[in-house]
Each structure stands twice: as structure tokens, then as C-alpha cells.
Amino acid sequence: MVSMIIRCTLWVVVIACMYYMSDQIVQLENRIEVLEAESAAMYEDIKTLNNAIQLVIEFVGERFKFAT
């Protein structure tokens, strides 16, 4: 009888741990999706900034050509 109670208790603990871990995995997956979206947005911002810097470099280069 006591061993049956212990087995049932252990199964309840195992199931509770599995439920907790699955919830944690779902939260991690959601966080990964958010980070991927933020990363994509940052990539686009960096690309835009790089294009702007290239335009500034070209503009300054042309100004110095005319100044000499």
C-alpha cells in the first residue's frame, strides 16, 4: 500500500515536471521568435545606415574633387 502511494506520488511529480518543462520550452520558442524578428529589423536598419554612409562618403569625395 505504501509503495503504491509512493509510485503514484512519483508519477504525479514526473508529470508535473514534464508539464513545467514543456511550458518553459514554449516560452523559449516564443522568445527565440521575438529575437529573430528583432534581428531582422536590426539587419534592415544596419543596411539602411550603411547605404546612408556610402552616400555621405560619395558626397564628401565629390566635394573634395571639385575643391582641388
N, C-alpha and C. Protein backbone atom coordinates (compact mmCIF):
# COMPACT_ATOMS: atom_id res chain seq x y z
N MET A 1 0.82 -1.20 0.00
CA MET A 1 0.00 0.00 0.00
C MET A 1 0.86 1.26 0.00
N VAL A 2 1.89 1.28 0.87
CA VAL A 2 2.77 2.45 0.94
C VAL A 2 3.53 2.62 -0.36
N SER A 3 3.99 1.50 -0.93
CA SER A 3 4.74 1.60 -2.19
C SER A 3 3.84 2.12 -3.31
N MET A 4 2.58 1.78 -3.29
CA MET A 4 1.64 2.27 -4.30
C MET A 4 1.47 3.78 -4.17
N ILE A 5 1.38 4.27 -2.96
CA ILE A 5 1.26 5.72 -2.73
C ILE A 5 2.53 6.42 -3.21
N ILE A 6 3.68 5.83 -2.93
CA ILE A 6 4.95 6.42 -3.36
C ILE A 6 5.03 6.44 -4.88
N ARG A 7 4.65 5.36 -5.54
CA ARG A 7 4.66 5.31 -7.00
C ARG A 7 3.73 6.37 -7.60
N CYS A 8 2.55 6.47 -7.06
CA CYS A 8 1.59 7.47 -7.55
C CYS A 8 2.14 8.88 -7.35
N THR A 9 2.74 9.12 -6.20
CA THR A 9 3.32 10.44 -5.91
C THR A 9 4.45 10.74 -6.89
N LEU A 10 5.29 9.75 -7.16
CA LEU A 10 6.39 9.96 -8.10
C LEU A 10 5.87 10.23 -9.51
N TRP A 11 4.82 9.53 -9.91
CA TRP A 11 4.25 9.78 -11.22
C TRP A 11 3.66 11.19 -11.31
N VAL A 12 3.02 11.62 -10.25
CA VAL A 12 2.48 12.99 -10.24
C VAL A 12 3.61 14.00 -10.35
N VAL A 13 4.70 13.76 -9.64
CA VAL A 13 5.86 14.66 -9.70
C VAL A 13 6.45 14.66 -11.11
N VAL A 14 6.59 13.50 -11.71
CA VAL A 14 7.14 13.40 -13.07
C VAL A 14 6.25 14.14 -14.06
N ILE A 15 4.96 13.93 -13.97
CA ILE A 15 4.03 14.61 -14.89
C ILE A 15 4.07 16.12 -14.68
N ALA A 16 4.13 16.55 -13.43
CA ALA A 16 4.20 17.99 -13.15
C ALA A 16 5.49 18.58 -13.71
N CYS A 17 6.59 17.87 -13.58
CA CYS A 17 7.88 18.35 -14.13
C CYS A 17 7.83 18.42 -15.65
N MET A 18 7.22 17.42 -16.27
CA MET A 18 7.11 17.43 -17.72
C MET A 18 6.25 18.60 -18.20
N TYR A 19 5.16 18.86 -17.49
CA TYR A 19 4.29 19.99 -17.84
C TYR A 19 5.06 21.30 -17.69
N TYR A 20 5.79 21.45 -16.59
CA TYR A 20 6.57 22.66 -16.34
C TYR A 20 7.62 22.85 -17.44
N MET A 21 8.32 21.78 -17.78
CA MET A 21 9.37 21.87 -18.79
C MET A 21 8.78 22.19 -20.16
N SER A 22 7.65 21.62 -20.50
CA SER A 22 7.04 21.92 -21.79
C SER A 22 6.62 23.38 -21.85
N ASP A 23 6.13 23.92 -20.75
CA ASP A 23 5.78 25.33 -20.69
C ASP A 23 7.02 26.20 -20.87
N GLN A 24 8.12 25.81 -20.24
CA GLN A 24 9.37 26.56 -20.38
C GLN A 24 9.87 26.51 -21.82
N ILE A 25 9.74 25.37 -22.47
CA ILE A 25 10.18 25.24 -23.86
C ILE A 25 9.35 26.14 -24.77
N VAL A 26 8.06 26.19 -24.54
CA VAL A 26 7.19 27.07 -25.35
C VAL A 26 7.59 28.53 -25.15
N GLN A 27 7.87 28.92 -23.92
CA GLN A 27 8.30 30.29 -23.66
C GLN A 27 9.62 30.59 -24.35
N LEU A 28 10.55 29.64 -24.34
CA LEU A 28 11.83 29.84 -25.02
C LEU A 28 11.64 29.95 -26.53
N GLU A 29 10.77 29.12 -27.09
CA GLU A 29 10.50 29.20 -28.52
C GLU A 29 9.91 30.56 -28.89
N ASN A 30 9.01 31.06 -28.07
CA ASN A 30 8.42 32.38 -28.32
C ASN A 30 9.48 33.46 -28.25
N ARG A 31 10.37 33.35 -27.27
CA ARG A 31 11.44 34.35 -27.13
C ARG A 31 12.38 34.31 -28.32
N ILE A 32 12.66 33.10 -28.82
CA ILE A 32 13.52 32.97 -30.00
C ILE A 32 12.89 33.64 -31.20
N GLU A 33 11.58 33.46 -31.38
CA GLU A 33 10.88 34.11 -32.49
C GLU A 33 10.97 35.63 -32.39
N VAL A 34 10.81 36.15 -31.17
CA VAL A 34 10.91 37.60 -30.97
C VAL A 34 12.32 38.08 -31.31
N LEU A 35 13.33 37.35 -30.83
CA LEU A 35 14.71 37.74 -31.11
C LEU A 35 15.03 37.68 -32.60
N GLU A 36 14.50 36.68 -33.29
CA GLU A 36 14.71 36.59 -34.74
C GLU A 36 14.09 37.79 -35.46
N ALA A 37 12.91 38.19 -35.03
CA ALA A 37 12.25 39.35 -35.64
C ALA A 37 13.03 40.62 -35.36
N GLU A 38 13.51 40.78 -34.13
CA GLU A 38 14.32 41.95 -33.80
C GLU A 38 15.62 41.96 -34.59
N SER A 39 16.21 40.79 -34.77
CA SER A 39 17.45 40.68 -35.53
C SER A 39 17.24 41.09 -36.98
N ALA A 40 16.14 40.65 -37.56
CA ALA A 40 15.83 41.01 -38.95
C ALA A 40 15.63 42.52 -39.08
N ALA A 41 14.95 43.11 -38.12
CA ALA A 41 14.73 44.56 -38.14
C ALA A 41 16.05 45.30 -37.99
N MET A 42 16.91 44.82 -37.11
CA MET A 42 18.22 45.46 -36.93
C MET A 42 19.06 45.33 -38.20
N TYR A 43 18.97 44.19 -38.87
CA TYR A 43 19.72 43.99 -40.11
C TYR A 43 19.29 45.03 -41.14
N GLU A 44 17.98 45.24 -41.26
CA GLU A 44 17.49 46.24 -42.22
C GLU A 44 17.95 47.64 -41.84
N ASP A 45 17.94 47.95 -40.54
CA ASP A 45 18.42 49.26 -40.08
C ASP A 45 19.91 49.45 -40.40
N ILE A 46 20.69 48.42 -40.19
CA ILE A 46 22.13 48.49 -40.48
C ILE A 46 22.36 48.65 -41.98
N LYS A 47 21.56 47.95 -42.78
CA LYS A 47 21.68 48.07 -44.23
C LYS A 47 21.37 49.51 -44.67
N THR A 48 20.32 50.09 -44.11
CA THR A 48 19.95 51.46 -44.44
C THR A 48 21.04 52.43 -44.00
N LEU A 49 21.57 52.23 -42.80
CA LEU A 49 22.64 53.09 -42.30
C LEU A 49 23.88 52.96 -43.18
N ASN A 50 24.20 51.76 -43.61
CA ASN A 50 25.35 51.56 -44.48
C ASN A 50 25.17 52.30 -45.81
N ASN A 51 23.96 52.24 -46.37
CA ASN A 51 23.69 52.97 -47.61
C ASN A 51 23.83 54.47 -47.40
N ALA A 52 23.36 54.97 -46.28
CA ALA A 52 23.47 56.40 -45.99
C ALA A 52 24.93 56.81 -45.85
N ILE A 53 25.73 55.99 -45.18
CA ILE A 53 27.16 56.30 -45.01
C ILE A 53 27.85 56.31 -46.37
N GLN A 54 27.49 55.36 -47.23
CA GLN A 54 28.09 55.32 -48.58
C GLN A 54 27.75 56.60 -49.35
N LEU A 55 26.51 57.08 -49.23
CA LEU A 55 26.13 58.32 -49.90
C LEU A 55 26.91 59.51 -49.36
N VAL A 56 27.10 59.56 -48.05
CA VAL A 56 27.86 60.65 -47.44
C VAL A 56 29.31 60.60 -47.93
N ILE A 57 29.90 59.41 -47.98
CA ILE A 57 31.29 59.27 -48.44
C ILE A 57 31.40 59.73 -49.89
N GLU A 58 30.46 59.32 -50.74
CA GLU A 58 30.48 59.75 -52.14
C GLU A 58 30.33 61.26 -52.25
N PHE A 59 29.42 61.83 -51.46
CA PHE A 59 29.19 63.27 -51.50
C PHE A 59 30.45 64.03 -51.08
N VAL A 60 31.06 63.62 -49.98
CA VAL A 60 32.27 64.30 -49.50
C VAL A 60 33.40 64.12 -50.50
N GLY A 61 33.53 62.92 -51.07
CA GLY A 61 34.56 62.68 -52.08
C GLY A 61 34.39 63.59 -53.29
N GLU A 62 33.17 63.80 -53.74
CA GLU A 62 32.92 64.67 -54.90
C GLU A 62 33.21 66.12 -54.53
N ARG A 63 32.88 66.53 -53.32
CA ARG A 63 33.16 67.91 -52.89
C ARG A 63 34.66 68.18 -52.86
N PHE A 64 35.44 67.21 -52.40
CA PHE A 64 36.88 67.40 -52.34
C PHE A 64 37.50 67.38 -53.73
N LYS A 65 36.91 66.65 -54.67
CA LYS A 65 37.41 66.65 -56.04
C LYS A 65 37.26 68.04 -56.67
N PHE A 66 36.09 68.65 -56.42
CA PHE A 66 35.86 69.97 -57.00
C PHE A 66 36.69 71.04 -56.29
N ALA A 67 37.04 70.81 -55.04
CA ALA A 67 37.80 71.81 -54.28
C ALA A 67 39.26 71.84 -54.70
N THR A 68 39.78 70.75 -55.26
CA THR A 68 41.19 70.73 -55.64
C THR A 68 41.42 71.21 -57.04
